[in-house]
Amino acid sequence: MTSRPPARPRSFDEALAAVTNATTPAELFGTDPLAAGRRHRYLVRLLHPDTAPPGRAAEATAACAALNALNDARTAASAPPPDTLTTPHHRYRTGPVQATGDLAVLRRAHAAPHRDPYTELDVLLKIPRSPADNDLIAREATALTRLARHGDPRFHAYAPTLVETFRYTETPGPGGPGAKGPGAVRQVNALTRLDGFRPLTDLAAAWPEGVDPRDAAWIWRRLLVALGYAHRAGVRHGAVLPEHVLIHPDLHGLVLVDWCYSVSGAPAPLPALVERHRDRYPPEVLARESATEATDLYMASLCMAGLMGDRIPLALRAFVVGSTLPEERRRPHDAWRLLTELDDLLDRLYGPRTFRPLHLPS
């Protein structure tokens, strides 16, 4: 049986009181996992420092920290998947957690196809921390399927490969060992594992003064290829953030990951934001207007400017300004055309392209 959560707060002060008075996750969220996840998202929107009443940003920051701590305690209580998971197409032997993100846990696994059980694939199982985010995991599967079917095959390597998407029911239930009733149902994406790739956040940590613009140049070019590939297939990524851009330093490869916030097909508002990166989103996203190709190019430009920091040349800084104008209609919408303009600018700055080894500390 699930408990009914407290009354839905309707203002900053009501949300602040709800978080301040809660001593357990159940007091704030209730025990229905779907309702709890939606309630967490709603409270984050009410309490975020960027939307707090004037002079109350410090209160909002503290409240968000307490809110997220209670939510982390709630989602951490969910049972891990069993040692094996069987779907109509594969049998998965689950392994350790490789990473934990804002939305999901990435768990290593070995996948054996039923048609060839002696052949195993190394995969990552992407499992939402909250069942309320099943829709975002499914959204990623839709985007990756569309890219595989309609994207230019020459550029498939710029996005993860979806092995399959499936659901499983946790056992035991949310109350932990001995709990009665079925557990939460979670949507899972099985993705081929990417070995040797590192997020842009690792580069920023290795070179806090800024990455050499000549090294950033090939990353920028490949990021525009990834976006051009997606946009031509009718997919907008919706969360081009440093942790979602993976590079292979030795091979100069790039993969754009985490398509859970994407929009496929007709333009529409993003389904959710990565709240701690709210300041990286363009105005149309914050206004709940449709995300377009210009939305992705705005966020990509901020990624690259941030990667170079104060080392960015003035000409590249001006290039970023043109891609991050407040008005969506005035920004570039064609990643391939923007790549051509970037190549012309890089040629003027540095001459013909040469391969520059990038040695990233382990």
Protein backbone atom coordinates (compact mmCIF):
# COMPACT_ATOMS: atom_id res chain seq x y z
CA MET A 1 0.00 0.00 0.00
CA THR A 2 1.28 3.47 -0.81
CA SER A 3 0.81 6.50 1.38
CA ARG A 4 -0.72 9.69 0.10
CA PRO A 5 1.91 12.45 -0.11
CA PRO A 6 1.29 15.81 1.58
CA ALA A 7 -0.77 18.43 -0.21
CA ARG A 8 0.83 19.74 -3.40
CA PRO A 9 2.71 22.99 -2.64
CA ARG A 10 1.63 25.92 -4.78
CA SER A 11 4.27 28.49 -3.93
CA PHE A 12 7.92 28.85 -3.03
CA ASP A 13 7.06 29.22 0.67
CA GLU A 14 4.84 26.14 0.72
CA ALA A 15 7.52 24.07 -1.02
CA LEU A 16 10.17 25.39 1.38
CA ALA A 17 8.05 24.41 4.37
CA ALA A 18 7.40 20.94 2.96
CA VAL A 19 11.10 20.23 2.53
CA THR A 20 12.10 21.80 5.85
CA ASN A 21 9.55 19.78 7.81
CA ALA A 22 10.26 16.42 6.15
CA THR A 23 12.44 14.01 8.12
CA THR A 24 12.13 11.01 5.77
CA PRO A 25 11.69 10.65 2.00
CA ALA A 26 8.21 9.16 2.52
CA GLU A 27 7.05 12.25 4.40
CA LEU A 28 7.92 14.44 1.44
CA PHE A 29 7.28 12.16 -1.53
CA GLY A 30 4.97 9.40 -0.34
CA THR A 31 5.81 5.80 -1.30
CA ASP A 32 4.32 5.52 -4.79
CA PRO A 33 7.51 5.62 -6.92
CA LEU A 34 5.85 7.16 -9.97
CA ALA A 35 4.14 9.91 -7.99
CA ALA A 36 7.31 10.49 -5.95
CA GLY A 37 9.44 11.08 -9.02
CA ARG A 38 6.97 13.55 -10.47
CA ARG A 39 6.74 15.33 -7.12
CA HIS A 40 10.53 15.67 -6.97
CA ARG A 41 10.63 17.34 -10.39
CA TYR A 42 7.80 19.68 -9.41
CA LEU A 43 9.51 20.74 -6.17
CA VAL A 44 12.80 21.37 -7.96
CA ARG A 45 11.04 23.80 -10.29
CA LEU A 46 9.46 25.67 -7.34
CA LEU A 47 12.66 25.86 -5.30
CA HIS A 48 15.35 26.42 -7.90
CA PRO A 49 17.53 29.46 -7.02
CA ASP A 50 17.06 30.92 -10.51
CA THR A 51 13.30 31.20 -9.96
CA ALA A 52 13.30 32.05 -6.24
CA PRO A 53 11.71 35.31 -5.00
CA PRO A 54 14.11 38.28 -4.85
CA GLY A 55 16.65 38.03 -2.06
CA ARG A 56 15.92 34.37 -1.29
CA ALA A 57 18.41 32.56 -3.51
CA ALA A 58 20.40 31.33 -0.49
CA GLU A 59 17.29 29.77 1.05
CA ALA A 60 16.46 28.16 -2.29
CA THR A 61 19.97 26.72 -2.65
CA ALA A 62 19.83 25.15 0.82
CA ALA A 63 16.31 23.82 0.21
CA CYS A 64 17.32 22.25 -3.12
CA ALA A 65 20.27 20.54 -1.44
CA ALA A 66 17.98 19.10 1.24
CA LEU A 67 15.39 18.12 -1.38
CA ASN A 68 17.96 16.29 -3.50
CA ALA A 69 19.43 14.53 -0.45
CA LEU A 70 15.99 13.17 0.43
CA ASN A 71 15.42 12.13 -3.18
CA ASP A 72 18.82 10.39 -3.31
CA ALA A 73 17.90 8.48 -0.16
CA ARG A 74 14.60 7.48 -1.77
CA THR A 75 16.07 6.23 -5.04
CA ALA A 76 19.03 4.53 -3.34
CA ALA A 77 16.54 2.29 -1.55
CA SER A 78 15.50 0.61 -4.79
CA ALA A 79 16.68 -2.94 -5.24
CA PRO A 80 19.48 -3.66 -7.73
CA PRO A 81 18.57 -5.76 -10.74
CA PRO A 82 18.89 -9.53 -10.40
CA ASP A 83 22.08 -11.31 -11.46
CA THR A 84 20.41 -12.23 -14.74
CA LEU A 85 17.74 -10.51 -16.81
CA THR A 86 16.03 -12.30 -19.69
CA THR A 87 14.24 -10.55 -22.54
CA PRO A 88 12.78 -11.97 -25.76
CA HIS A 89 16.12 -11.31 -27.48
CA HIS A 90 18.93 -11.56 -24.91
CA ARG A 91 20.02 -12.94 -21.58
CA TYR A 92 21.96 -10.37 -19.52
CA ARG A 93 24.47 -11.17 -16.79
CA THR A 94 24.55 -8.00 -14.72
CA GLY A 95 27.73 -6.60 -13.24
CA PRO A 96 28.90 -3.61 -11.19
CA VAL A 97 27.78 -0.02 -11.50
CA GLN A 98 30.02 1.93 -13.87
CA ALA A 99 28.52 5.38 -13.32
CA THR A 100 25.61 7.18 -11.69
CA GLY A 101 24.12 10.26 -13.33
CA ASP A 102 21.33 12.73 -12.64
CA LEU A 103 18.76 10.43 -14.21
CA ALA A 104 20.05 6.88 -14.31
CA VAL A 105 22.54 4.28 -13.15
CA LEU A 106 24.80 2.68 -15.77
CA ARG A 107 25.52 -0.94 -14.89
CA ARG A 108 27.95 -3.18 -16.76
CA ALA A 109 26.53 -6.40 -18.19
CA HIS A 110 27.20 -9.19 -20.67
CA ALA A 111 24.46 -9.84 -23.22
CA ALA A 112 24.06 -13.23 -24.88
CA PRO A 113 21.63 -13.31 -27.84
CA HIS A 114 19.20 -16.24 -27.70
CA ARG A 115 19.96 -17.05 -31.34
CA ASP A 116 23.67 -17.38 -30.49
CA PRO A 117 24.09 -17.90 -26.73
CA TYR A 118 27.84 -18.50 -27.02
CA THR A 119 28.47 -14.96 -28.29
CA GLU A 120 28.42 -12.22 -25.68
CA LEU A 121 28.34 -8.44 -26.06
CA ASP A 122 29.76 -6.03 -23.51
CA VAL A 123 26.93 -3.61 -22.75
CA LEU A 124 25.79 -0.98 -20.30
CA LEU A 125 22.32 -1.24 -18.82
CA LYS A 126 20.89 2.24 -18.33
CA ILE A 127 18.41 1.99 -15.46
CA PRO A 128 16.45 5.03 -14.22
CA ARG A 129 16.97 5.93 -10.60
CA SER A 130 13.26 6.65 -10.36
CA PRO A 131 10.49 4.81 -12.25
CA ALA A 132 8.94 8.24 -12.84
CA ASP A 133 11.71 8.75 -15.40
CA ASN A 134 10.84 5.65 -17.44
CA ASP A 135 9.45 7.98 -20.09
CA LEU A 136 12.85 9.66 -20.48
CA ILE A 137 14.62 6.31 -20.89
CA ALA A 138 12.02 5.37 -23.51
CA ARG A 139 12.57 8.74 -25.20
CA GLU A 140 16.27 7.91 -25.59
CA ALA A 141 15.38 4.56 -27.15
CA THR A 142 13.09 6.33 -29.64
CA ALA A 143 15.84 8.78 -30.59
CA LEU A 144 18.55 6.13 -31.01
CA THR A 145 16.22 3.91 -33.04
CA ARG A 146 15.39 6.83 -35.32
CA LEU A 147 19.08 7.65 -35.78
CA ALA A 148 19.88 4.04 -36.64
CA ARG A 149 17.05 3.85 -39.19
CA HIS A 150 17.11 7.32 -40.75
CA GLY A 151 20.56 8.73 -40.00
CA ASP A 152 23.43 8.68 -42.49
CA PRO A 153 25.26 5.36 -41.82
CA ARG A 154 28.63 7.12 -42.19
CA PHE A 155 28.01 8.88 -38.89
CA HIS A 156 26.37 6.17 -36.76
CA ALA A 157 29.45 6.05 -34.52
CA TYR A 158 28.66 9.56 -33.24
CA ALA A 159 25.78 8.20 -31.10
CA PRO A 160 25.52 5.13 -28.86
CA THR A 161 24.18 1.90 -30.30
CA LEU A 162 20.95 0.66 -28.76
CA VAL A 163 20.95 -3.13 -28.39
CA GLU A 164 17.35 -3.16 -27.15
CA THR A 165 15.01 -1.49 -24.68
CA PHE A 166 12.93 -3.47 -22.19
CA ARG A 167 11.19 -3.36 -18.81
CA TYR A 168 11.75 -5.38 -15.68
CA THR A 169 10.01 -5.51 -12.31
CA GLU A 170 12.07 -5.18 -9.17
CA THR A 171 11.93 -7.93 -6.57
CA PRO A 172 11.41 -7.36 -3.68
CA GLY A 173 9.20 -4.27 -3.60
CA PRO A 174 10.27 -0.74 -2.70
CA GLY A 175 10.16 -1.52 1.02
CA GLY A 176 13.32 -3.62 0.74
CA PRO A 177 13.89 -7.30 1.59
CA GLY A 178 10.73 -8.92 2.88
CA ALA A 179 8.42 -6.27 1.43
CA LYS A 180 5.07 -7.45 0.13
CA GLY A 181 3.71 -6.82 -3.33
CA PRO A 182 5.44 -6.25 -6.66
CA GLY A 183 8.40 -3.95 -6.99
CA ALA A 184 8.77 -0.95 -9.22
CA VAL A 185 8.75 -1.39 -13.00
CA ARG A 186 11.77 0.19 -14.67
CA GLN A 187 12.49 0.86 -18.34
CA VAL A 188 16.03 -0.19 -19.30
CA ASN A 189 18.16 0.64 -22.32
CA ALA A 190 20.92 -1.80 -23.21
CA LEU A 191 23.71 0.13 -24.94
CA THR A 192 26.97 -1.10 -26.41
CA ARG A 193 29.86 -0.18 -24.15
CA LEU A 194 32.23 2.62 -25.14
CA ASP A 195 35.78 1.85 -24.05
CA GLY A 196 38.47 4.52 -23.93
CA PHE A 197 36.06 7.47 -24.10
CA ARG A 198 36.18 10.34 -21.60
CA PRO A 199 33.71 13.20 -20.97
CA LEU A 200 34.63 16.81 -21.57
CA THR A 201 34.44 17.31 -17.81
CA ASP A 202 37.67 15.27 -17.56
CA LEU A 203 39.41 17.70 -19.92
CA ALA A 204 38.18 20.68 -17.94
CA ALA A 205 39.55 19.11 -14.76
CA ALA A 206 42.91 18.31 -16.40
CA TRP A 207 43.32 21.84 -17.82
CA PRO A 208 41.46 24.23 -15.50
CA GLU A 209 43.10 27.18 -17.25
CA GLY A 210 41.46 26.05 -20.50
CA VAL A 211 42.18 23.52 -23.22
CA ASP A 212 44.45 24.59 -26.07
CA PRO A 213 42.11 25.89 -28.82
CA ARG A 214 43.93 23.75 -31.38
CA ASP A 215 42.88 20.65 -29.42
CA ALA A 216 39.39 22.00 -28.90
CA ALA A 217 39.12 22.53 -32.68
CA TRP A 218 38.80 18.85 -33.59
CA ILE A 219 36.36 18.26 -30.73
CA TRP A 220 34.20 21.16 -31.92
CA ARG A 221 34.23 19.93 -35.50
CA ARG A 222 33.17 16.42 -34.48
CA LEU A 223 30.47 17.73 -32.18
CA LEU A 224 28.97 19.65 -35.10
CA VAL A 225 29.10 16.47 -37.19
CA ALA A 226 27.23 14.60 -34.45
CA LEU A 227 24.56 17.30 -34.36
CA GLY A 228 24.32 17.54 -38.13
CA TYR A 229 23.82 13.78 -38.27
CA ALA A 230 21.06 13.94 -35.65
CA HIS A 231 19.29 16.97 -37.08
CA ARG A 232 19.13 15.51 -40.60
CA ALA A 233 17.43 12.46 -39.05
CA GLY A 234 14.87 14.65 -37.28
CA VAL A 235 16.28 14.44 -33.74
CA ARG A 236 17.25 17.32 -31.44
CA HIS A 237 19.47 16.19 -28.56
CA GLY A 238 18.23 18.69 -25.99
CA ALA A 239 21.07 18.40 -23.46
CA VAL A 240 24.42 19.13 -25.12
CA LEU A 241 26.37 19.39 -21.86
CA PRO A 242 30.04 18.65 -21.08
CA GLU A 243 29.30 15.32 -19.37
CA HIS A 244 27.29 14.16 -22.39
CA VAL A 245 30.11 14.75 -24.90
CA LEU A 246 32.56 11.85 -24.82
CA ILE A 247 35.86 11.88 -26.69
CA HIS A 248 38.51 9.26 -27.39
CA PRO A 249 41.78 11.22 -26.91
CA ASP A 250 43.99 8.81 -28.86
CA LEU A 251 41.68 8.16 -31.81
CA HIS A 252 40.08 11.63 -31.91
CA GLY A 253 36.67 10.02 -31.72
CA LEU A 254 33.51 11.61 -30.31
CA VAL A 255 30.17 10.22 -29.16
CA LEU A 256 27.22 12.31 -28.02
CA VAL A 257 25.44 10.40 -25.24
CA ASP A 258 22.32 10.68 -23.04
CA TRP A 259 19.49 11.22 -25.51
CA CYS A 260 16.86 11.05 -22.75
CA TYR A 261 16.01 14.74 -23.10
CA SER A 262 15.69 14.63 -26.89
CA VAL A 263 12.85 15.61 -29.20
CA SER A 264 12.25 13.40 -32.25
CA GLY A 265 10.05 14.29 -35.19
CA ALA A 266 7.95 17.45 -34.91
CA PRO A 267 9.38 20.31 -32.83
CA ALA A 268 8.23 20.33 -29.20
CA PRO A 269 9.41 21.60 -25.80
CA LEU A 270 12.04 19.53 -24.02
CA PRO A 271 10.56 16.95 -21.64
CA ALA A 272 12.86 17.97 -18.76
CA LEU A 273 16.00 19.93 -17.89
CA VAL A 274 19.18 18.97 -16.10
CA GLU A 275 18.39 21.45 -13.35
CA ARG A 276 21.94 22.03 -12.14
CA HIS A 277 22.79 23.21 -15.67
CA ARG A 278 19.80 25.52 -16.04
CA ASP A 279 22.06 28.46 -16.92
CA ARG A 280 23.36 26.60 -19.99
CA TYR A 281 19.95 26.40 -21.68
CA PRO A 282 18.79 29.04 -24.18
CA PRO A 283 15.75 31.25 -23.50
CA GLU A 284 13.32 29.21 -25.61
CA VAL A 285 13.84 26.16 -23.38
CA LEU A 286 13.24 28.07 -20.16
CA ALA A 287 10.10 29.59 -21.71
CA ARG A 288 8.82 26.04 -22.52
CA GLU A 289 8.89 26.76 -26.25
CA SER A 290 9.92 24.21 -28.86
CA ALA A 291 13.52 23.07 -28.96
CA THR A 292 15.07 23.40 -32.41
CA GLU A 293 18.38 22.71 -34.09
CA ALA A 294 19.45 26.18 -32.91
CA THR A 295 18.89 25.02 -29.32
CA ASP A 296 21.51 22.28 -29.68
CA LEU A 297 23.96 24.58 -31.44
CA TYR A 298 23.59 27.16 -28.65
CA MET A 299 24.45 24.58 -25.98
CA ALA A 300 27.29 23.08 -28.04
CA SER A 301 28.85 26.52 -28.48
CA LEU A 302 28.74 27.13 -24.73
CA CYS A 303 30.38 23.72 -24.18
CA MET A 304 33.29 24.60 -26.41
CA ALA A 305 33.70 28.14 -25.08
CA GLY A 306 33.76 26.78 -21.54
CA LEU A 307 36.30 24.13 -22.50
CA MET A 308 38.75 26.74 -23.80
CA GLY A 309 38.06 29.31 -21.08
CA ASP A 310 40.19 32.43 -21.30
CA ARG A 311 42.39 30.79 -23.96
CA ILE A 312 39.72 31.15 -26.63
CA PRO A 313 40.87 33.47 -29.46
CA LEU A 314 38.81 36.59 -30.10
CA ALA A 315 37.70 35.31 -33.51
CA LEU A 316 36.35 32.08 -31.98
CA ARG A 317 34.73 34.06 -29.17
CA ALA A 318 32.85 36.10 -31.77
CA PHE A 319 31.85 32.86 -33.49
CA VAL A 320 30.35 31.65 -30.20
CA VAL A 321 28.47 34.90 -29.71
CA GLY A 322 26.79 34.46 -33.09
CA SER A 323 25.59 30.99 -32.07
CA THR A 324 24.29 32.03 -28.65
CA LEU A 325 22.13 35.05 -29.45
CA PRO A 326 19.04 35.24 -27.22
CA GLU A 327 16.61 35.15 -30.16
CA GLU A 328 16.29 31.59 -31.45
CA ARG A 329 15.40 32.67 -34.99
CA ARG A 330 18.62 34.71 -35.33
CA ARG A 331 20.91 31.81 -34.46
CA PRO A 332 22.37 29.20 -36.83
CA HIS A 333 20.10 26.21 -37.45
CA ASP A 334 22.23 24.15 -39.86
CA ALA A 335 25.10 22.30 -38.15
CA TRP A 336 26.69 21.33 -41.48
CA ARG A 337 26.78 24.94 -42.68
CA LEU A 338 28.13 26.05 -39.31
CA LEU A 339 30.87 23.41 -39.62
CA THR A 340 31.90 24.89 -42.97
CA GLU A 341 32.09 28.35 -41.41
CA LEU A 342 34.12 26.99 -38.49
CA ASP A 343 36.54 25.25 -40.87
CA ASP A 344 37.10 28.51 -42.74
CA LEU A 345 37.79 30.31 -39.48
CA LEU A 346 40.15 27.61 -38.20
CA ASP A 347 42.03 27.64 -41.48
CA ARG A 348 42.58 31.38 -41.15
CA LEU A 349 43.73 31.00 -37.54
CA TYR A 350 45.91 27.90 -37.75
CA GLY A 351 46.41 26.95 -41.38
CA PRO A 352 45.90 23.42 -42.80
CA ARG A 353 44.63 20.83 -40.31
CA THR A 354 47.18 18.48 -38.73
CA PHE A 355 46.74 15.65 -36.25
CA ARG A 356 47.56 16.79 -32.70
CA PRO A 357 47.92 13.97 -30.14
CA LEU A 358 45.91 14.68 -27.01
CA HIS A 359 47.34 13.11 -23.86
CA LEU A 360 44.70 13.14 -21.16
CA PRO A 361 45.85 12.12 -17.66
CA SER A 362 44.26 8.89 -16.44
